[in-house]
Amino acid sequence: MRAPYLAASVAFVLLLAGALSACSPLSLVNAVSPSGDTRTVKSAAYGANPRHVLDIYRPEKGGDKAPVIVFYYGGNWVSGERGDYAFVGRALAARGFVVVIPDYRLYPQVRYPDFLEDSAQALAWTSRRIAAYGGDPKRIYAMGHSAGAYNAAMLALDPRWLRAQGTGPSILRGWIGMAGPYNFLPVENPTTRPVFLYPDTPRDSQPINHVTENAPPALLIVARNDSTVDPVRNTGALAERLRVTSVPVREVSYTGVNHVTLLATLSTSLKRLAPTLDAVEDFVRSDGGRNLPPVR
């Protein structure tokens, strides 16, 4: 099967998927996503737990001090493996970035806030070690999709997690959230409830409650027709809170994609579904939107 037709078939399969879950056909997305001119370092340990490992994707060509993106995958904090998201690492590395994709502990092994501690540990490891892999520790961006966007948001907005690692959100030049849950109390999803200690979910578990004027710039990307994570209640409300607090924020909303296919647009082969890769590249290349070109 020719690559364009295979990519179209994968896009169709993804469109039929109602929500990102352990059964999502991510292997198909990886299959149609070329490795390109990238190099990969697999299974670097950032901690002692078996889930404390990460993969690093690097451009094949280029000098040192490339911008760094730490990508946290979703899966409702109950599923996910870094290898399923190789297409994200390859596509962003092909744009000239060093990309780190860590695993983190999941429910039922852990509950809130343990996965945030893991995420912070991976980010702190990156800050201290990424120069050895060609990355610039002064240009680090946290990024995530769905539950992973929540993780990225909490690291950027709530200083507790990085402070416990001897650093703080100031190590981030910005952060990027894709279809993230940032304002989801009361918890309605039955899978999410035990993860967040329902019915005693702490109010400080919500990213929207940690916005201050010191927060790093944000790029918030949503599918307008997302039926899994309400884009108005979550992304829209967080963007407004950032704006009124004078934090630089850019909202990007796409039609023709949903919660699942928005993630798929990070694949080089499926980028025609929406220009997500361009938006991410513009944000990072413009120093966290501080000098951002117009939306394509």
C-alpha atoms as a PDB file:
ATOM      1  CA  MET A   1       0.000   0.000   0.000  1.00  0.00           C
ATOM      2  CA  ARG A   2       1.345   3.400  -0.963  1.00  0.00           C
ATOM      3  CA  ALA A   3       2.220   5.731   1.905  1.00  0.00           C
ATOM      4  CA  PRO A   4      -0.390   8.438   1.076  1.00  0.00           C
ATOM      5  CA  TYR A   5      -3.193   5.854   0.967  1.00  0.00           C
ATOM      6  CA  LEU A   6      -1.955   4.189   4.151  1.00  0.00           C
ATOM      7  CA  ALA A   7      -1.828   7.552   5.892  1.00  0.00           C
ATOM      8  CA  ALA A   8      -5.377   8.277   4.757  1.00  0.00           C
ATOM      9  CA  SER A   9      -6.491   4.901   6.092  1.00  0.00           C
ATOM     10  CA  VAL A  10      -4.889   5.591   9.453  1.00  0.00           C
ATOM     11  CA  ALA A  11      -6.570   8.987   9.600  1.00  0.00           C
ATOM     12  CA  PHE A  12      -9.919   7.315   8.949  1.00  0.00           C
ATOM     13  CA  VAL A  13      -9.323   4.768  11.702  1.00  0.00           C
ATOM     14  CA  LEU A  14      -8.439   7.537  14.107  1.00  0.00           C
ATOM     15  CA  LEU A  15     -11.534   9.488  13.184  1.00  0.00           C
ATOM     16  CA  LEU A  16     -13.583   6.475  14.209  1.00  0.00           C
ATOM     17  CA  ALA A  17     -11.937   6.360  17.611  1.00  0.00           C
ATOM     18  CA  GLY A  18     -14.084   8.194  20.123  1.00  0.00           C
ATOM     19  CA  ALA A  19     -11.366   8.952  22.685  1.00  0.00           C
ATOM     20  CA  LEU A  20      -7.694   8.373  23.320  1.00  0.00           C
ATOM     21  CA  SER A  21      -7.289   5.133  25.229  1.00  0.00           C
ATOM     22  CA  ALA A  22      -5.045   2.127  25.562  1.00  0.00           C
ATOM     23  CA  CYS A  23      -6.683   0.638  22.456  1.00  0.00           C
ATOM     24  CA  SER A  24      -5.981   3.640  20.220  1.00  0.00           C
ATOM     25  CA  PRO A  25      -4.199   2.650  17.007  1.00  0.00           C
ATOM     26  CA  LEU A  26      -1.008   4.530  17.784  1.00  0.00           C
ATOM     27  CA  SER A  27       1.039   1.729  16.275  1.00  0.00           C
ATOM     28  CA  LEU A  28      -0.530   2.587  12.910  1.00  0.00           C
ATOM     29  CA  VAL A  29       0.479   6.222  13.298  1.00  0.00           C
ATOM     30  CA  ASN A  30       4.037   5.147  14.088  1.00  0.00           C
ATOM     31  CA  ALA A  31       4.004   2.830  11.072  1.00  0.00           C
ATOM     32  CA  VAL A  32       3.251   5.643   8.629  1.00  0.00           C
ATOM     33  CA  SER A  33       5.558   8.166  10.309  1.00  0.00           C
ATOM     34  CA  PRO A  34       9.021   8.179   8.751  1.00  0.00           C
ATOM     35  CA  SER A  35      12.038   8.338  11.032  1.00  0.00           C
ATOM     36  CA  GLY A  36      13.665  10.954   8.792  1.00  0.00           C
ATOM     37  CA  ASP A  37      16.993  12.437   9.733  1.00  0.00           C
ATOM     38  CA  THR A  38      16.775  11.706  13.445  1.00  0.00           C
ATOM     39  CA  ARG A  39      18.737   9.809  16.073  1.00  0.00           C
ATOM     40  CA  THR A  40      17.240   8.125  19.108  1.00  0.00           C
ATOM     41  CA  VAL A  41      18.574   7.387  22.577  1.00  0.00           C
ATOM     42  CA  LYS A  42      16.309   4.797  24.183  1.00  0.00           C
ATOM     43  CA  SER A  43      15.609   3.933  27.807  1.00  0.00           C
ATOM     44  CA  ALA A  44      17.697   6.514  29.644  1.00  0.00           C
ATOM     45  CA  ALA A  45      16.937   6.286  33.368  1.00  0.00           C
ATOM     46  CA  TYR A  46      15.885   9.463  35.156  1.00  0.00           C
ATOM     47  CA  GLY A  47      15.052   7.705  38.439  1.00  0.00           C
ATOM     48  CA  ALA A  48      15.023   4.399  40.269  1.00  0.00           C
ATOM     49  CA  ASN A  49      11.544   3.085  39.404  1.00  0.00           C
ATOM     50  CA  PRO A  50      11.145   0.858  36.315  1.00  0.00           C
ATOM     51  CA  ARG A  51       8.813   3.519  34.886  1.00  0.00           C
ATOM     52  CA  HIS A  52      11.425   6.223  35.378  1.00  0.00           C
ATOM     53  CA  VAL A  53      12.845   5.960  31.872  1.00  0.00           C
ATOM     54  CA  LEU A  54      12.760   8.213  28.838  1.00  0.00           C
ATOM     55  CA  ASP A  55      13.644   8.279  25.163  1.00  0.00           C
ATOM     56  CA  ILE A  56      15.472  11.139  23.456  1.00  0.00           C
ATOM     57  CA  TYR A  57      15.027  12.062  19.789  1.00  0.00           C
ATOM     58  CA  ARG A  58      17.656  14.257  18.139  1.00  0.00           C
ATOM     59  CA  PRO A  59      18.094  15.803  14.698  1.00  0.00           C
ATOM     60  CA  GLU A  60      20.592  13.843  12.636  1.00  0.00           C
ATOM     61  CA  LYS A  61      22.226  17.064  11.519  1.00  0.00           C
ATOM     62  CA  GLY A  62      22.746  20.288  13.403  1.00  0.00           C
ATOM     63  CA  GLY A  63      24.912  21.655  16.149  1.00  0.00           C
ATOM     64  CA  ASP A  64      24.515  21.796  19.876  1.00  0.00           C
ATOM     65  CA  LYS A  65      22.031  23.861  21.851  1.00  0.00           C
ATOM     66  CA  ALA A  66      18.858  22.978  19.995  1.00  0.00           C
ATOM     67  CA  PRO A  67      15.563  23.888  21.683  1.00  0.00           C
ATOM     68  CA  VAL A  68      14.238  21.082  23.873  1.00  0.00           C
ATOM     69  CA  ILE A  69      10.669  19.765  24.113  1.00  0.00           C
ATOM     70  CA  VAL A  70       9.695  17.384  26.916  1.00  0.00           C
ATOM     71  CA  PHE A  71       6.514  15.630  25.751  1.00  0.00           C
ATOM     72  CA  TYR A  72       4.102  13.982  28.196  1.00  0.00           C
ATOM     73  CA  TYR A  73       1.614  11.585  26.635  1.00  0.00           C
ATOM     74  CA  GLY A  74      -2.003  11.136  27.688  1.00  0.00           C
ATOM     75  CA  GLY A  75      -4.055   8.078  28.559  1.00  0.00           C
ATOM     76  CA  ASN A  76      -6.165   9.331  31.492  1.00  0.00           C
ATOM     77  CA  TRP A  77      -3.263   8.585  33.867  1.00  0.00           C
ATOM     78  CA  VAL A  78      -4.068   4.863  33.578  1.00  0.00           C
ATOM     79  CA  SER A  79      -2.265   3.869  30.381  1.00  0.00           C
ATOM     80  CA  GLY A  80       0.582   4.850  28.091  1.00  0.00           C
ATOM     81  CA  GLU A  81       4.050   3.853  26.939  1.00  0.00           C
ATOM     82  CA  ARG A  82       6.668   6.222  25.599  1.00  0.00           C
ATOM     83  CA  GLY A  83       7.366   3.993  22.581  1.00  0.00           C
ATOM     84  CA  ASP A  84       3.809   4.509  21.327  1.00  0.00           C
ATOM     85  CA  TYR A  85       4.655   8.166  20.789  1.00  0.00           C
ATOM     86  CA  ALA A  86       7.807   7.731  18.714  1.00  0.00           C
ATOM     87  CA  PHE A  87       6.007   9.559  15.895  1.00  0.00           C
ATOM     88  CA  VAL A  88       5.907  12.685  18.077  1.00  0.00           C
ATOM     89  CA  GLY A  89       9.616  12.492  18.838  1.00  0.00           C
ATOM     90  CA  ARG A  90      10.564  11.890  15.218  1.00  0.00           C
ATOM     91  CA  ALA A  91       8.366  14.643  13.806  1.00  0.00           C
ATOM     92  CA  LEU A  92       9.576  17.297  16.250  1.00  0.00           C
ATOM     93  CA  ALA A  93      13.213  16.207  15.941  1.00  0.00           C
ATOM     94  CA  ALA A  94      12.861  16.582  12.168  1.00  0.00           C
ATOM     95  CA  ARG A  95      11.971  20.224  12.878  1.00  0.00           C
ATOM     96  CA  GLY A  96      15.311  20.690  14.634  1.00  0.00           C
ATOM     97  CA  PHE A  97      14.339  20.077  18.260  1.00  0.00           C
ATOM     98  CA  VAL A  98      15.682  17.687  20.855  1.00  0.00           C
ATOM     99  CA  VAL A  99      12.656  15.781  22.150  1.00  0.00           C
ATOM    100  CA  VAL A 100      12.362  13.911  25.442  1.00  0.00           C
ATOM    101  CA  ILE A 101       9.471  11.489  25.992  1.00  0.00           C
ATOM    102  CA  PRO A 102       9.366  10.056  29.536  1.00  0.00           C
ATOM    103  CA  ASP A 103       7.263   7.310  31.019  1.00  0.00           C
ATOM    104  CA  TYR A 104       5.710   8.016  34.407  1.00  0.00           C
ATOM    105  CA  ARG A 105       3.893   5.885  36.949  1.00  0.00           C
ATOM    106  CA  LEU A 106       0.193   5.287  36.371  1.00  0.00           C
ATOM    107  CA  TYR A 107      -2.915   4.294  38.303  1.00  0.00           C
ATOM    108  CA  PRO A 108      -3.417   1.891  40.081  1.00  0.00           C
ATOM    109  CA  GLN A 109       0.268   1.843  41.002  1.00  0.00           C
ATOM    110  CA  VAL A 110      -0.022   5.495  41.998  1.00  0.00           C
ATOM    111  CA  ARG A 111      -2.590   8.258  42.359  1.00  0.00           C
ATOM    112  CA  TYR A 112      -2.462  12.050  42.317  1.00  0.00           C
ATOM    113  CA  PRO A 113       0.061  13.621  42.802  1.00  0.00           C
ATOM    114  CA  ASP A 114       2.678  10.874  42.307  1.00  0.00           C
ATOM    115  CA  PHE A 115       2.691  11.108  38.517  1.00  0.00           C
ATOM    116  CA  LEU A 116       3.409  14.827  38.841  1.00  0.00           C
ATOM    117  CA  GLU A 117       6.428  14.033  40.982  1.00  0.00           C
ATOM    118  CA  ASP A 118       7.647  11.691  38.238  1.00  0.00           C
ATOM    119  CA  SER A 119       7.002  14.285  35.544  1.00  0.00           C
ATOM    120  CA  ALA A 120       8.933  16.903  37.506  1.00  0.00           C
ATOM    121  CA  GLN A 121      11.797  14.476  38.055  1.00  0.00           C
ATOM    122  CA  ALA A 122      12.019  13.821  34.300  1.00  0.00           C
ATOM    123  CA  LEU A 123      11.987  17.546  33.561  1.00  0.00           C
ATOM    124  CA  ALA A 124      14.674  18.275  36.149  1.00  0.00           C
ATOM    125  CA  TRP A 125      16.790  15.440  34.719  1.00  0.00           C
ATOM    126  CA  THR A 126      16.399  16.995  31.290  1.00  0.00           C
ATOM    127  CA  SER A 127      17.457  20.408  32.533  1.00  0.00           C
ATOM    128  CA  ARG A 128      20.634  18.986  34.042  1.00  0.00           C
ATOM    129  CA  ARG A 129      21.577  16.424  31.399  1.00  0.00           C
ATOM    130  CA  ILE A 130      20.226  17.501  28.027  1.00  0.00           C
ATOM    131  CA  ALA A 131      23.313  19.476  26.980  1.00  0.00           C
ATOM    132  CA  ALA A 132      25.102  16.135  26.556  1.00  0.00           C
ATOM    133  CA  TYR A 133      22.505  15.247  23.900  1.00  0.00           C
ATOM    134  CA  GLY A 134      22.726  18.483  21.937  1.00  0.00           C
ATOM    135  CA  GLY A 135      19.913  20.319  23.703  1.00  0.00           C
ATOM    136  CA  ASP A 136      19.957  23.827  25.129  1.00  0.00           C
ATOM    137  CA  PRO A 137      19.061  23.721  28.860  1.00  0.00           C
ATOM    138  CA  LYS A 138      18.082  27.389  28.635  1.00  0.00           C
ATOM    139  CA  ARG A 139      15.381  26.674  26.027  1.00  0.00           C
ATOM    140  CA  ILE A 140      13.215  23.923  27.475  1.00  0.00           C
ATOM    141  CA  TYR A 141       9.481  23.585  26.783  1.00  0.00           C
ATOM    142  CA  ALA A 142       7.062  21.218  28.522  1.00  0.00           C
ATOM    143  CA  MET A 143       4.400  19.835  26.200  1.00  0.00           C
ATOM    144  CA  GLY A 144       1.631  17.279  26.470  1.00  0.00           C
ATOM    145  CA  HIS A 145      -1.605  15.936  25.072  1.00  0.00           C
ATOM    146  CA  SER A 146      -4.717  15.287  27.188  1.00  0.00           C
ATOM    147  CA  ALA A 147      -3.584  13.941  30.601  1.00  0.00           C
ATOM    148  CA  GLY A 148      -0.036  14.756  29.529  1.00  0.00           C
ATOM    149  CA  ALA A 149      -1.071  18.364  28.912  1.00  0.00           C
ATOM    150  CA  TYR A 150      -2.343  18.429  32.489  1.00  0.00           C
ATOM    151  CA  ASN A 151       1.084  17.242  33.678  1.00  0.00           C
ATOM    152  CA  ALA A 152       2.837  19.914  31.636  1.00  0.00           C
ATOM    153  CA  ALA A 153       0.445  22.599  32.916  1.00  0.00           C
ATOM    154  CA  MET A 154       0.983  21.663  36.549  1.00  0.00           C
ATOM    155  CA  LEU A 155       4.766  21.771  36.175  1.00  0.00           C
ATOM    156  CA  ALA A 156       4.538  25.183  34.521  1.00  0.00           C
ATOM    157  CA  LEU A 157       1.982  26.712  36.900  1.00  0.00           C
ATOM    158  CA  ASP A 158       2.390  25.022  40.301  1.00  0.00           C
ATOM    159  CA  PRO A 159       5.960  25.427  41.619  1.00  0.00           C
ATOM    160  CA  ARG A 160       5.683  22.651  44.223  1.00  0.00           C
ATOM    161  CA  TRP A 161       6.684  19.847  41.901  1.00  0.00           C
ATOM    162  CA  LEU A 162       9.859  21.316  40.450  1.00  0.00           C
ATOM    163  CA  ARG A 163      10.879  22.853  43.769  1.00  0.00           C
ATOM    164  CA  ALA A 164      10.945  19.338  45.195  1.00  0.00           C
ATOM    165  CA  GLN A 165      13.558  18.596  42.512  1.00  0.00           C
ATOM    166  CA  GLY A 166      15.704  21.582  43.476  1.00  0.00           C
ATOM    167  CA  THR A 167      14.539  23.846  40.660  1.00  0.00           C
ATOM    168  CA  GLY A 168      11.387  25.684  39.528  1.00  0.00           C
ATOM    169  CA  PRO A 169       9.136  26.632  36.602  1.00  0.00           C
ATOM    170  CA  SER A 170      11.647  29.299  35.592  1.00  0.00           C
ATOM    171  CA  ILE A 171      13.597  26.556  33.770  1.00  0.00           C
ATOM    172  CA  LEU A 172      10.792  26.608  31.184  1.00  0.00           C
ATOM    173  CA  ARG A 173      10.766  29.123  28.344  1.00  0.00           C
ATOM    174  CA  GLY A 174       7.161  28.111  27.758  1.00  0.00           C
ATOM    175  CA  TRP A 175       4.719  25.237  27.722  1.00  0.00           C
ATOM    176  CA  ILE A 176       2.361  23.698  25.189  1.00  0.00           C
ATOM    177  CA  GLY A 177      -0.933  22.038  26.019  1.00  0.00           C
ATOM    178  CA  MET A 178      -3.003  20.011  23.559  1.00  0.00           C
ATOM    179  CA  ALA A 179      -6.586  19.234  24.584  1.00  0.00           C
ATOM    180  CA  GLY A 180      -5.701  19.335  28.247  1.00  0.00           C
ATOM    181  CA  PRO A 181      -7.996  19.055  31.289  1.00  0.00           C
ATOM    182  CA  TYR A 182      -7.129  22.127  33.342  1.00  0.00           C
ATOM    183  CA  ASN A 183     -10.410  22.810  35.138  1.00  0.00           C
ATOM    184  CA  PHE A 184     -12.324  19.569  35.658  1.00  0.00           C
ATOM    185  CA  LEU A 185     -13.889  19.710  39.125  1.00  0.00           C
ATOM    186  CA  PRO A 186     -16.109  18.001  40.032  1.00  0.00           C
ATOM    187  CA  VAL A 187     -14.529  14.912  38.483  1.00  0.00           C
ATOM    188  CA  GLU A 188     -17.117  13.321  36.182  1.00  0.00           C
ATOM    189  CA  ASN A 189     -15.155  10.636  34.357  1.00  0.00           C
ATOM    190  CA  PRO A 190     -15.483   7.341  36.296  1.00  0.00           C
ATOM    191  CA  THR A 191     -11.976   6.261  35.259  1.00  0.00           C
ATOM    192  CA  THR A 192     -10.471   9.513  36.471  1.00  0.00           C
ATOM    193  CA  ARG A 193     -12.256   9.609  39.829  1.00  0.00           C
ATOM    194  CA  PRO A 194     -10.047   7.168  41.756  1.00  0.00           C
ATOM    195  CA  VAL A 195      -6.920   8.706  40.224  1.00  0.00           C
ATOM    196  CA  PHE A 196      -7.832  12.051  41.805  1.00  0.00           C
ATOM    197  CA  LEU A 197      -9.120  10.756  45.157  1.00  0.00           C
ATOM    198  CA  TYR A 198     -12.799  11.370  44.412  1.00  0.00           C
ATOM    199  CA  PRO A 199     -14.903  12.607  46.175  1.00  0.00           C
ATOM    200  CA  ASP A 200     -12.123  14.334  48.100  1.00  0.00           C
ATOM    201  CA  THR A 201     -10.290  15.679  45.058  1.00  0.00           C
ATOM    202  CA  PRO A 202      -8.144  18.618  46.225  1.00  0.00           C
ATOM    203  CA  ARG A 203      -8.920  21.971  44.648  1.00  0.00           C
ATOM    204  CA  ASP A 204      -5.204  22.561  44.265  1.00  0.00           C
ATOM    205  CA  SER A 205      -5.111  19.651  41.797  1.00  0.00           C
ATOM    206  CA  GLN A 206      -6.482  22.018  39.138  1.00  0.00           C
ATOM    207  CA  PRO A 207      -3.988  23.908  36.942  1.00  0.00           C
ATOM    208  CA  ILE A 208      -6.364  26.859  36.588  1.00  0.00           C
ATOM    209  CA  ASN A 209      -6.006  27.534  40.324  1.00  0.00           C
ATOM    210  CA  HIS A 210      -2.239  28.073  40.083  1.00  0.00           C
ATOM    211  CA  VAL A 211      -2.027  30.878  37.542  1.00  0.00           C
ATOM    212  CA  THR A 212       0.242  33.737  38.606  1.00  0.00           C
ATOM    213  CA  GLU A 213       1.950  36.546  36.758  1.00  0.00           C
ATOM    214  CA  ASN A 214       5.194  34.574  36.939  1.00  0.00           C
ATOM    215  CA  ALA A 215       3.901  31.716  34.807  1.00  0.00           C
ATOM    216  CA  PRO A 216       5.781  30.941  31.572  1.00  0.00           C
ATOM    217  CA  PRO A 217       4.127  31.686  28.213  1.00  0.00           C
ATOM    218  CA  ALA A 218       1.632  29.118  26.962  1.00  0.00           C
ATOM    219  CA  LEU A 219       0.458  27.742  23.644  1.00  0.00           C
ATOM    220  CA  LEU A 220      -2.933  26.055  24.042  1.00  0.00           C
ATOM    221  CA  ILE A 221      -4.168  23.917  21.146  1.00  0.00           C
ATOM    222  CA  VAL A 222      -7.614  22.338  20.936  1.00  0.00           C
ATOM    223  CA  ALA A 223      -9.943  20.530  18.603  1.00  0.00           C
ATOM    224  CA  ARG A 224     -13.069  22.635  18.401  1.00  0.00           C
ATOM    225  CA  ASN A 225     -15.225  19.497  18.328  1.00  0.00           C
ATOM    226  CA  ASP A 226     -13.500  17.707  21.208  1.00  0.00           C
ATOM    227  CA  SER A 227     -16.147  15.661  23.028  1.00  0.00           C
ATOM    228  CA  THR A 228     -13.675  14.084  25.477  1.00  0.00           C
ATOM    229  CA  VAL A 229     -12.222  17.170  27.185  1.00  0.00           C
ATOM    230  CA  ASP A 230     -14.489  20.215  26.938  1.00  0.00           C
ATOM    231  CA  PRO A 231     -12.369  22.886  25.197  1.00  0.00           C
ATOM    232  CA  VAL A 232     -14.404  25.809  26.550  1.00  0.00           C
ATOM    233  CA  ARG A 233     -14.421  24.713  30.182  1.00  0.00           C
ATOM    234  CA  ASN A 234     -10.752  23.763  30.149  1.00  0.00           C
ATOM    235  CA  THR A 235      -8.632  25.471  27.503  1.00  0.00           C
ATOM    236  CA  GLY A 236     -10.888  28.498  27.126  1.00  0.00           C
ATOM    237  CA  ALA A 237     -11.141  29.112  30.856  1.00  0.00           C
ATOM    238  CA  LEU A 238      -7.423  28.662  31.434  1.00  0.00           C
ATOM    239  CA  ALA A 239      -6.527  30.949  28.531  1.00  0.00           C
ATOM    240  CA  GLU A 240      -8.778  33.661  29.942  1.00  0.00           C
ATOM    241  CA  ARG A 241      -7.251  33.280  33.408  1.00  0.00           C
ATOM    242  CA  LEU A 242      -3.764  33.598  31.904  1.00  0.00           C
ATOM    243  CA  ARG A 243      -4.754  36.673  29.909  1.00  0.00           C
ATOM    244  CA  VAL A 244      -6.255  38.536  32.859  1.00  0.00           C
ATOM    245  CA  THR A 245      -3.092  37.736  34.825  1.00  0.00           C
ATOM    246  CA  SER A 246      -0.979  39.212  31.987  1.00  0.00           C
ATOM    247  CA  VAL A 247       0.664  35.894  31.094  1.00  0.00           C
ATOM    248  CA  PRO A 248       1.390  35.554  27.353  1.00  0.00           C
ATOM    249  CA  VAL A 249      -0.924  32.907  25.910  1.00  0.00           C
ATOM    250  CA  ARG A 250      -1.882  31.865  22.429  1.00  0.00           C
ATOM    251  CA  GLU A 251      -5.011  29.828  21.723  1.00  0.00           C
ATOM    252  CA  VAL A 252      -5.227  27.757  18.548  1.00  0.00           C
ATOM    253  CA  SER A 253      -8.450  25.929  17.645  1.00  0.00           C
ATOM    254  CA  TYR A 254      -8.817  23.500  14.751  1.00  0.00           C
ATOM    255  CA  THR A 255     -11.903  22.152  13.012  1.00  0.00           C
ATOM    256  CA  GLY A 256     -12.013  18.805  11.263  1.00  0.00           C
ATOM    257  CA  VAL A 257     -10.171  17.011  14.068  1.00  0.00           C
ATOM    258  CA  ASN A 258     -11.191  15.569  17.420  1.00  0.00           C
ATOM    259  CA  HIS A 259      -9.466  14.658  20.673  1.00  0.00           C
ATOM    260  CA  VAL A 260      -7.671  11.718  19.033  1.00  0.00           C
ATOM    261  CA  THR A 261      -6.866  13.091  15.611  1.00  0.00           C
ATOM    262  CA  LEU A 262      -5.484  16.286  17.103  1.00  0.00           C
ATOM    263  CA  LEU A 263      -2.704  14.126  18.523  1.00  0.00           C
ATOM    264  CA  ALA A 264      -2.271  12.412  15.156  1.00  0.00           C
ATOM    265  CA  THR A 265      -1.508  15.765  13.525  1.00  0.00           C
ATOM    266  CA  LEU A 266       1.866  15.619  15.260  1.00  0.00           C
ATOM    267  CA  SER A 267       2.764  12.848  12.838  1.00  0.00           C
ATOM    268  CA  THR A 268       4.622  14.013   9.744  1.00  0.00           C
ATOM    269  CA  SER A 269       2.402  11.781   7.613  1.00  0.00           C
ATOM    270  CA  LEU A 270      -0.859  13.146   9.064  1.00  0.00           C
ATOM    271  CA  LYS A 271       0.075  16.797   9.459  1.00  0.00           C
ATOM    272  CA  ARG A 272      -2.370  17.751   6.718  1.00  0.00           C
ATOM    273  CA  LEU A 273      -5.232  17.198   9.142  1.00  0.00           C
ATOM    274  CA  ALA A 274      -4.219  20.423  10.952  1.00  0.00           C
ATOM    275  CA  PRO A 275      -1.048  22.572  11.076  1.00  0.00           C
ATOM    276  CA  THR A 276      -0.212  21.635  14.671  1.00  0.00           C
ATOM    277  CA  LEU A 277       3.468  21.032  13.956  1.00  0.00           C
ATOM    278  CA  ASP A 278       3.732  24.502  12.422  1.00  0.00           C
ATOM    279  CA  ALA A 279       2.078  26.093  15.463  1.00  0.00           C
ATOM    280  CA  VAL A 280       4.443  24.308  17.848  1.00  0.00           C
ATOM    281  CA  GLU A 281       7.481  25.217  15.771  1.00  0.00           C
ATOM    282  CA  ASP A 282       6.415  28.861  15.529  1.00  0.00           C
ATOM    283  CA  PHE A 283       5.933  29.031  19.292  1.00  0.00           C
ATOM    284  CA  VAL A 284       9.304  27.508  20.123  1.00  0.00           C
ATOM    285  CA  ARG A 285      11.260  29.332  17.419  1.00  0.00           C
ATOM    286  CA  SER A 286       9.763  32.625  18.586  1.00  0.00           C
ATOM    287  CA  ASP A 287      11.006  32.071  22.143  1.00  0.00           C
ATOM    288  CA  GLY A 288       7.725  31.011  23.653  1.00  0.00           C
ATOM    289  CA  GLY A 289       5.648  33.356  21.535  1.00  0.00           C
ATOM    290  CA  ARG A 290       7.566  36.438  22.627  1.00  0.00           C
ATOM    291  CA  ASN A 291       8.052  37.267  18.957  1.00  0.00           C
ATOM    292  CA  LEU A 292       5.409  35.081  17.355  1.00  0.00           C
ATOM    293  CA  PRO A 293       4.652  35.204  13.626  1.00  0.00           C
ATOM    294  CA  PRO A 294       1.037  35.097  12.414  1.00  0.00           C
ATOM    295  CA  VAL A 295      -0.894  31.829  12.568  1.00  0.00           C
ATOM    296  CA  ARG A 296      -0.546  29.914   9.312  1.00  0.00           C
END
